[in-house]
Amino acid sequence: MSTISPVQPSAAKHAHAFQGVPHAPAPAVSGTVQAAEAQRPSAPGKFELVRDDRGAFLIRILDGNGAVLALSRTYPDLAAAVEGVESVRECAATSHISDQTARTPVLP
């Protein structure tokens, strides 16, 4: 697992800890706040291009409050990472939400 360069802001140093860690949200409970009702960040989010300890490039996606939403795979160079940002932007703008939580899991 790679680590983030120590010249990054303090929250950025720990972003690598989220790589490969599966996260399943807690099931909805009566009276919980739904996604549409959640408080929106006061500022727009952003893409950060960062380097890992081996010199590869990563895309870190932050919400408007600076919280890490996602960390990309590694890219060999800056141009590839910028293309990755453009791909994420296009995909996010045209994608639909697919609720996989309501389906019964298929057992092997």
C-alpha atoms as a PDB file:
ATOM      1  CA  MET A   1       0.000   0.000   0.000  1.00  0.00           C
ATOM      2  CA  SER A   2       1.359   3.417  -0.885  1.00  0.00           C
ATOM      3  CA  THR A   3       1.561   6.410   1.375  1.00  0.00           C
ATOM      4  CA  ILE A   4       0.919  10.048   0.606  1.00  0.00           C
ATOM      5  CA  SER A   5       3.785  12.525   0.507  1.00  0.00           C
ATOM      6  CA  PRO A   6       4.347  14.337   3.845  1.00  0.00           C
ATOM      7  CA  VAL A   7       4.066  17.717   2.077  1.00  0.00           C
ATOM      8  CA  GLN A   8       0.304  17.247   1.753  1.00  0.00           C
ATOM      9  CA  PRO A   9      -2.189  18.819   4.214  1.00  0.00           C
ATOM     10  CA  SER A  10      -2.709  16.777   7.388  1.00  0.00           C
ATOM     11  CA  ALA A  11      -6.047  15.266   6.271  1.00  0.00           C
ATOM     12  CA  ALA A  12      -4.412  14.228   3.015  1.00  0.00           C
ATOM     13  CA  LYS A  13      -1.702  12.213   4.776  1.00  0.00           C
ATOM     14  CA  HIS A  14      -4.245   9.656   5.917  1.00  0.00           C
ATOM     15  CA  ALA A  15      -6.280   9.389   2.706  1.00  0.00           C
ATOM     16  CA  HIS A  16      -4.365   6.270   1.674  1.00  0.00           C
ATOM     17  CA  ALA A  17      -5.845   4.426   4.661  1.00  0.00           C
ATOM     18  CA  PHE A  18      -9.156   4.222   2.813  1.00  0.00           C
ATOM     19  CA  GLN A  19      -7.737   2.301  -0.153  1.00  0.00           C
ATOM     20  CA  GLY A  20      -9.075  -1.198  -0.386  1.00  0.00           C
ATOM     21  CA  VAL A  21     -11.199  -0.929   2.753  1.00  0.00           C
ATOM     22  CA  PRO A  22     -14.751  -1.983   1.928  1.00  0.00           C
ATOM     23  CA  HIS A  23     -17.451   0.138   3.458  1.00  0.00           C
ATOM     24  CA  ALA A  24     -21.100  -0.769   3.652  1.00  0.00           C
ATOM     25  CA  PRO A  25     -23.397   1.942   4.960  1.00  0.00           C
ATOM     26  CA  ALA A  26     -25.658   1.090   7.858  1.00  0.00           C
ATOM     27  CA  PRO A  27     -29.177   0.087   6.835  1.00  0.00           C
ATOM     28  CA  ALA A  28     -31.744   2.860   6.734  1.00  0.00           C
ATOM     29  CA  VAL A  29     -33.690   3.159   9.963  1.00  0.00           C
ATOM     30  CA  SER A  30     -36.980   4.919  10.394  1.00  0.00           C
ATOM     31  CA  GLY A  31     -36.359   8.569  11.176  1.00  0.00           C
ATOM     32  CA  THR A  32     -32.855   8.713   9.653  1.00  0.00           C
ATOM     33  CA  VAL A  33     -31.848  11.487   7.296  1.00  0.00           C
ATOM     34  CA  GLN A  34     -32.009  10.399   3.664  1.00  0.00           C
ATOM     35  CA  ALA A  35     -29.321  11.412   1.162  1.00  0.00           C
ATOM     36  CA  ALA A  36     -31.501  14.102  -0.435  1.00  0.00           C
ATOM     37  CA  GLU A  37     -32.092  15.654   2.996  1.00  0.00           C
ATOM     38  CA  ALA A  38     -28.439  15.593   4.072  1.00  0.00           C
ATOM     39  CA  GLN A  39     -26.746  18.935   4.599  1.00  0.00           C
ATOM     40  CA  ARG A  40     -24.890  20.067   1.514  1.00  0.00           C
ATOM     41  CA  PRO A  41     -21.326  21.324   1.812  1.00  0.00           C
ATOM     42  CA  SER A  42     -20.945  25.107   1.658  1.00  0.00           C
ATOM     43  CA  ALA A  43     -18.239  24.991  -1.034  1.00  0.00           C
ATOM     44  CA  PRO A  44     -17.826  22.913  -4.183  1.00  0.00           C
ATOM     45  CA  GLY A  45     -15.745  19.760  -3.992  1.00  0.00           C
ATOM     46  CA  LYS A  46     -12.488  19.344  -5.827  1.00  0.00           C
ATOM     47  CA  PHE A  47     -10.079  16.918  -7.405  1.00  0.00           C
ATOM     48  CA  GLU A  48      -6.551  16.877  -6.008  1.00  0.00           C
ATOM     49  CA  LEU A  49      -3.663  15.346  -7.908  1.00  0.00           C
ATOM     50  CA  VAL A  50      -1.126  13.893  -5.463  1.00  0.00           C
ATOM     51  CA  ARG A  51       1.902  11.599  -5.591  1.00  0.00           C
ATOM     52  CA  ASP A  52       2.447   8.442  -3.601  1.00  0.00           C
ATOM     53  CA  ASP A  53       5.812   7.434  -2.121  1.00  0.00           C
ATOM     54  CA  ARG A  54       6.805   5.684  -5.364  1.00  0.00           C
ATOM     55  CA  GLY A  55       6.186   8.765  -7.515  1.00  0.00           C
ATOM     56  CA  ALA A  56       2.931   7.564  -9.092  1.00  0.00           C
ATOM     57  CA  PHE A  57      -0.007   9.960  -9.332  1.00  0.00           C
ATOM     58  CA  LEU A  58      -3.368   9.595  -7.584  1.00  0.00           C
ATOM     59  CA  ILE A  59      -6.629  11.502  -7.797  1.00  0.00           C
ATOM     60  CA  ARG A  60      -8.153  12.397  -4.467  1.00  0.00           C
ATOM     61  CA  ILE A  61     -11.790  13.575  -4.592  1.00  0.00           C
ATOM     62  CA  LEU A  62     -12.808  15.899  -1.756  1.00  0.00           C
ATOM     63  CA  ASP A  63     -16.249  17.178  -0.826  1.00  0.00           C
ATOM     64  CA  GLY A  64     -16.910  20.859  -0.167  1.00  0.00           C
ATOM     65  CA  ASN A  65     -15.885  20.457   3.468  1.00  0.00           C
ATOM     66  CA  GLY A  66     -12.526  18.889   2.574  1.00  0.00           C
ATOM     67  CA  ALA A  67     -13.447  15.311   3.512  1.00  0.00           C
ATOM     68  CA  VAL A  68     -11.985  12.590   1.281  1.00  0.00           C
ATOM     69  CA  LEU A  69     -14.746  10.951  -0.766  1.00  0.00           C
ATOM     70  CA  ALA A  70     -12.583   8.725  -2.953  1.00  0.00           C
ATOM     71  CA  LEU A  71      -9.005   7.906  -3.809  1.00  0.00           C
ATOM     72  CA  SER A  72      -8.202   6.641  -7.290  1.00  0.00           C
ATOM     73  CA  ARG A  73      -5.925   3.966  -8.584  1.00  0.00           C
ATOM     74  CA  THR A  74      -2.383   5.078  -9.410  1.00  0.00           C
ATOM     75  CA  TYR A  75      -1.490   6.666 -12.730  1.00  0.00           C
ATOM     76  CA  PRO A  76       2.010   6.535 -14.244  1.00  0.00           C
ATOM     77  CA  ASP A  77       2.179  10.223 -15.139  1.00  0.00           C
ATOM     78  CA  LEU A  78       0.412  13.538 -14.667  1.00  0.00           C
ATOM     79  CA  ALA A  79      -1.225  13.515 -18.110  1.00  0.00           C
ATOM     80  CA  ALA A  80      -2.851  10.141 -17.386  1.00  0.00           C
ATOM     81  CA  ALA A  81      -4.120  11.420 -14.021  1.00  0.00           C
ATOM     82  CA  VAL A  82      -5.664  14.490 -15.691  1.00  0.00           C
ATOM     83  CA  GLU A  83      -7.382  12.183 -18.213  1.00  0.00           C
ATOM     84  CA  GLY A  84      -8.643  10.186 -15.227  1.00  0.00           C
ATOM     85  CA  VAL A  85     -10.207  13.331 -13.752  1.00  0.00           C
ATOM     86  CA  GLU A  86     -11.959  14.052 -17.059  1.00  0.00           C
ATOM     87  CA  SER A  87     -13.237  10.467 -17.194  1.00  0.00           C
ATOM     88  CA  VAL A  88     -14.631  10.687 -13.651  1.00  0.00           C
ATOM     89  CA  ARG A  89     -16.317  14.024 -14.437  1.00  0.00           C
ATOM     90  CA  GLU A  90     -18.000  12.635 -17.541  1.00  0.00           C
ATOM     91  CA  CYS A  91     -19.048   9.398 -15.843  1.00  0.00           C
ATOM     92  CA  ALA A  92     -20.445  11.206 -12.808  1.00  0.00           C
ATOM     93  CA  ALA A  93     -22.459  13.584 -14.979  1.00  0.00           C
ATOM     94  CA  THR A  94     -24.093  10.796 -16.974  1.00  0.00           C
ATOM     95  CA  SER A  95     -24.374   7.947 -14.469  1.00  0.00           C
ATOM     96  CA  HIS A  96     -27.492   6.724 -12.721  1.00  0.00           C
ATOM     97  CA  ILE A  97     -27.659   5.570  -9.117  1.00  0.00           C
ATOM     98  CA  SER A  98     -28.029   1.802  -8.898  1.00  0.00           C
ATOM     99  CA  ASP A  99     -29.358   0.844  -5.460  1.00  0.00           C
ATOM    100  CA  GLN A 100     -27.761  -2.532  -4.759  1.00  0.00           C
ATOM    101  CA  THR A 101     -28.887  -2.548  -1.118  1.00  0.00           C
ATOM    102  CA  ALA A 102     -32.448  -3.632  -1.906  1.00  0.00           C
ATOM    103  CA  ARG A 103     -31.436  -6.824  -3.696  1.00  0.00           C
ATOM    104  CA  THR A 104     -30.915 -10.219  -2.126  1.00  0.00           C
ATOM    105  CA  PRO A 105     -27.258 -11.205  -2.450  1.00  0.00           C
ATOM    106  CA  VAL A 106     -26.517 -14.150  -4.720  1.00  0.00           C
ATOM    107  CA  LEU A 107     -24.577 -16.856  -2.892  1.00  0.00           C
ATOM    108  CA  PRO A 108     -21.848 -18.756  -4.748  1.00  0.00           C
END
